[in-house]
Amino acid sequence: MHIGRRKRHADSGAAIIEFALAFPILLLLMLGIIDFGVNYSARVQTTNATRQASRVGSVGQPGTNSSCTVDPAAPLDAATKQLICLAKGRTGVPASDVRVKVFYMDGLGRYTDDFSDPARLQNKYSIVVCVSTASRSVTGMLSSFFNGKFNHSRAVTKTGATPSWTLVNGQKAFNYIAPGAETPMTRNGVTDSWSWCASDDPSNDH
């Protein structure tokens, strides 16, 4: 009888020791799942936000919100800021952790900011929207893995006929949202860049 009681105590003690050994691993696994889930969701939302901003930008309808936090590399036109704010608002990430760049390519995939060419009437331009969001560890356990890294998304859409137009040579022409970009962010000593956000033919990029 005493032997059976001692055996139960021994089994209970062994179970406690096993749990104590396994708990840190289980906790790390659970926190890792949370962090990976949050960052995967942010990546998907960043992609969706980029595509939506590119689509609305392609028809000259950037929305009306211009009250978001913006860190421009140069002064921005009102419509450009509105498009940037629209993209930021769709990411699900705090605006201070999002950077946006907007520019155009011509029919050959080269950077352009010259919209005087009548060829634009034939939709030979494309708007390019790039969005960068900062990765982060919401649990704090995997900060060294996530912090200082960025999610990048680039979307290209042909410009099209819109309610926003003017007459050029007697024909309707799209009113372009001016190109603009925010200053790349720095997180945990790591500075992002726009090197990944280039034209299809980068020979004319600047």
Protein backbone atom coordinates (compact mmCIF):
# COMPACT_ATOMS: atom_id res chain seq x y z
CA MET A 1 0.00 0.00 0.00
CA HIS A 2 2.79 2.35 0.91
CA ILE A 3 4.59 1.29 -2.22
CA GLY A 4 1.59 2.25 -4.38
CA ARG A 5 1.32 5.63 -2.66
CA ARG A 6 5.03 6.31 -3.22
CA LYS A 7 4.63 5.33 -6.89
CA ARG A 8 1.77 7.82 -7.34
CA HIS A 9 3.86 10.57 -5.74
CA ALA A 10 6.78 9.68 -7.99
CA ASP A 11 4.58 9.77 -11.09
CA SER A 12 3.13 13.13 -10.03
CA GLY A 13 6.59 14.57 -9.45
CA ALA A 14 7.79 13.30 -12.83
CA ALA A 15 4.79 14.90 -14.56
CA ILE A 16 5.53 18.25 -12.91
CA ILE A 17 9.15 18.08 -14.01
CA GLU A 18 8.15 17.14 -17.56
CA PHE A 19 5.66 20.02 -17.70
CA ALA A 20 8.29 22.44 -16.37
CA LEU A 21 10.67 21.32 -19.11
CA ALA A 22 8.05 21.48 -21.88
CA PHE A 23 6.32 24.72 -20.84
CA PRO A 24 8.99 27.17 -22.13
CA ILE A 25 8.96 25.42 -25.50
CA LEU A 26 5.17 25.46 -25.68
CA LEU A 27 5.08 29.13 -24.65
CA LEU A 28 7.66 30.09 -27.26
CA LEU A 29 5.73 28.13 -29.89
CA MET A 30 2.46 29.86 -28.97
CA LEU A 31 4.01 33.34 -28.99
CA GLY A 32 5.70 32.53 -32.28
CA ILE A 33 2.36 31.55 -33.82
CA ILE A 34 0.87 34.86 -32.63
CA ASP A 35 3.73 36.93 -34.05
CA PHE A 36 3.83 35.05 -37.35
CA GLY A 37 0.05 35.34 -37.65
CA VAL A 38 0.05 39.09 -37.02
CA ASN A 39 2.86 39.70 -39.51
CA TYR A 40 1.35 37.43 -42.15
CA SER A 41 -1.92 39.34 -41.83
CA ALA A 42 -0.01 42.63 -42.13
CA ARG A 43 1.72 41.37 -45.28
CA VAL A 44 -1.60 40.39 -46.87
CA GLN A 45 -3.20 43.71 -45.93
CA THR A 46 -0.17 45.59 -47.28
CA THR A 47 -0.55 43.80 -50.62
CA ASN A 48 -4.28 44.52 -50.76
CA ALA A 49 -3.77 48.17 -49.80
CA THR A 50 -1.15 48.60 -52.53
CA ARG A 51 -3.41 47.11 -55.19
CA GLN A 52 -6.38 49.20 -54.14
CA ALA A 53 -4.37 52.43 -54.08
CA SER A 54 -3.00 51.62 -57.52
CA ARG A 55 -6.48 50.98 -58.89
CA VAL A 56 -8.04 54.18 -57.55
CA GLY A 57 -4.95 56.15 -58.55
CA SER A 58 -5.24 54.83 -62.09
CA VAL A 59 -8.64 56.50 -62.42
CA GLY A 60 -7.66 59.70 -60.66
CA GLN A 61 -9.86 59.16 -57.60
CA PRO A 62 -7.55 59.23 -54.54
CA GLY A 63 -10.28 59.87 -51.98
CA THR A 64 -10.58 62.86 -49.67
CA ASN A 65 -8.62 61.90 -46.55
CA SER A 66 -5.37 63.84 -46.15
CA SER A 67 -5.08 63.82 -42.36
CA CYS A 68 -2.79 60.81 -41.95
CA THR A 69 0.79 60.94 -40.71
CA VAL A 70 3.03 61.56 -43.73
CA ASP A 71 6.83 61.85 -43.87
CA PRO A 72 7.47 63.18 -47.39
CA ALA A 73 10.88 63.34 -48.99
CA ALA A 74 9.59 66.47 -50.77
CA PRO A 75 6.36 68.53 -50.60
CA LEU A 76 3.35 66.56 -51.82
CA ASP A 77 0.40 67.66 -53.92
CA ALA A 78 -2.97 67.37 -52.18
CA ALA A 79 -4.13 64.49 -54.40
CA THR A 80 -0.86 62.62 -53.86
CA LYS A 81 -1.20 62.93 -50.10
CA GLN A 82 -4.79 61.71 -50.32
CA LEU A 83 -3.69 58.63 -52.25
CA ILE A 84 -0.91 57.96 -49.74
CA CYS A 85 -3.38 58.30 -46.86
CA LEU A 86 -5.76 55.90 -48.59
CA ALA A 87 -3.00 53.30 -48.90
CA LYS A 88 -1.92 53.78 -45.28
CA GLY A 89 -5.47 53.44 -44.02
CA ARG A 90 -5.95 50.11 -45.79
CA THR A 91 -2.84 48.41 -44.37
CA GLY A 92 -4.16 47.94 -40.84
CA VAL A 93 -0.76 49.14 -39.59
CA PRO A 94 -0.19 52.45 -37.73
CA ALA A 95 0.44 55.20 -40.29
CA SER A 96 3.81 55.97 -38.70
CA ASP A 97 4.92 52.42 -39.62
CA VAL A 98 3.92 52.76 -43.29
CA ARG A 99 5.70 54.47 -46.18
CA VAL A 100 4.25 54.98 -49.67
CA LYS A 101 5.72 55.90 -53.05
CA VAL A 102 3.78 56.85 -56.20
CA PHE A 103 5.23 57.25 -59.69
CA TYR A 104 4.50 56.50 -63.35
CA MET A 105 5.95 54.46 -66.18
CA ASP A 106 5.57 55.10 -69.88
CA GLY A 107 4.64 52.48 -72.46
CA LEU A 108 8.20 51.13 -72.42
CA GLY A 109 8.24 50.64 -68.66
CA ARG A 110 10.47 53.65 -67.98
CA TYR A 111 9.98 56.21 -65.22
CA THR A 112 8.25 59.37 -66.44
CA ASP A 113 6.83 62.56 -64.99
CA ASP A 114 6.08 64.12 -68.39
CA PHE A 115 2.36 63.90 -69.04
CA SER A 116 2.24 66.33 -71.95
CA ASP A 117 2.57 63.56 -74.53
CA PRO A 118 -0.77 63.09 -76.36
CA ALA A 119 -0.03 59.35 -76.23
CA ARG A 120 -1.43 59.43 -72.71
CA LEU A 121 -4.84 59.64 -74.34
CA GLN A 122 -4.26 56.07 -75.50
CA ASN A 123 -3.61 54.85 -71.94
CA LYS A 124 0.10 54.27 -72.52
CA TYR A 125 1.03 55.18 -68.97
CA SER A 126 0.90 53.08 -65.81
CA ILE A 127 0.73 54.23 -62.21
CA VAL A 128 3.01 52.42 -59.77
CA VAL A 129 2.25 52.36 -56.05
CA CYS A 130 4.73 50.91 -53.59
CA VAL A 131 3.96 50.37 -49.90
CA SER A 132 6.41 49.42 -47.16
CA THR A 133 5.25 48.46 -43.66
CA ALA A 134 7.39 47.69 -40.63
CA SER A 135 7.32 44.16 -39.25
CA ARG A 136 6.99 43.93 -35.49
CA SER A 137 6.83 41.45 -32.64
CA VAL A 138 3.58 42.09 -30.76
CA THR A 139 4.54 39.65 -27.99
CA GLY A 140 8.09 40.95 -27.59
CA MET A 141 9.48 37.42 -27.52
CA LEU A 142 10.65 37.41 -31.15
CA SER A 143 11.76 41.02 -31.42
CA SER A 144 15.17 40.06 -32.78
CA PHE A 145 13.50 38.16 -35.63
CA PHE A 146 10.78 40.64 -36.68
CA ASN A 147 11.91 44.10 -35.62
CA GLY A 148 14.02 45.92 -38.19
CA LYS A 149 12.41 44.10 -41.12
CA PHE A 150 9.88 45.39 -43.64
CA ASN A 151 7.01 44.13 -45.80
CA HIS A 152 7.20 45.41 -49.39
CA SER A 153 4.44 45.47 -51.99
CA ARG A 154 4.39 46.99 -55.50
CA ALA A 155 1.36 47.31 -57.78
CA VAL A 156 1.13 48.56 -61.37
CA THR A 157 -2.10 49.62 -63.09
CA LYS A 158 -2.72 51.14 -66.52
CA THR A 159 -4.23 54.61 -66.34
CA GLY A 160 -7.73 54.81 -67.75
CA ALA A 161 -10.60 57.09 -68.63
CA THR A 162 -12.10 58.69 -65.53
CA PRO A 163 -14.43 61.46 -64.41
CA SER A 164 -11.24 63.43 -63.72
CA TRP A 165 -10.14 64.67 -67.12
CA THR A 166 -9.23 67.70 -69.21
CA LEU A 167 -9.25 68.38 -72.92
CA VAL A 168 -5.96 67.93 -74.77
CA ASN A 169 -6.04 68.52 -78.49
CA GLY A 170 -9.81 68.34 -78.31
CA GLN A 171 -9.81 64.91 -76.62
CA LYS A 172 -10.32 63.76 -73.06
CA ALA A 173 -7.08 63.20 -71.15
CA PHE A 174 -6.53 61.76 -67.69
CA ASN A 175 -5.54 64.18 -64.91
CA TYR A 176 -2.51 62.55 -63.32
CA ILE A 177 -1.88 62.45 -59.60
CA ALA A 178 1.59 63.92 -59.16
CA PRO A 179 4.39 61.46 -58.31
CA GLY A 180 5.61 61.57 -54.72
CA ALA A 181 7.33 59.50 -52.06
CA GLU A 182 7.81 59.40 -48.34
CA THR A 183 11.21 59.14 -46.69
CA PRO A 184 12.09 55.48 -46.01
CA MET A 185 11.72 54.58 -42.34
CA THR A 186 14.34 53.41 -39.88
CA ARG A 187 13.46 50.72 -37.35
CA ASN A 188 15.84 49.15 -34.82
CA GLY A 189 18.83 50.72 -36.53
CA VAL A 190 17.87 49.37 -39.96
CA THR A 191 16.96 51.88 -42.68
CA ASP A 192 14.64 50.79 -45.46
CA SER A 193 15.05 52.04 -49.06
CA TRP A 194 13.03 52.34 -52.27
CA SER A 195 15.56 50.32 -54.29
CA TRP A 196 12.99 47.52 -54.69
CA CYS A 197 10.39 50.00 -55.98
CA ALA A 198 11.74 50.59 -59.47
CA SER A 199 10.44 50.89 -63.00
CA ASP A 200 10.33 47.82 -65.23
CA ASP A 201 13.16 49.50 -67.16
CA PRO A 202 15.12 51.35 -64.44
CA SER A 203 17.42 53.15 -66.90
CA ASN A 204 15.45 56.40 -66.44
CA ASP A 205 14.81 56.11 -62.69
CA HIS A 206 15.77 58.93 -60.36
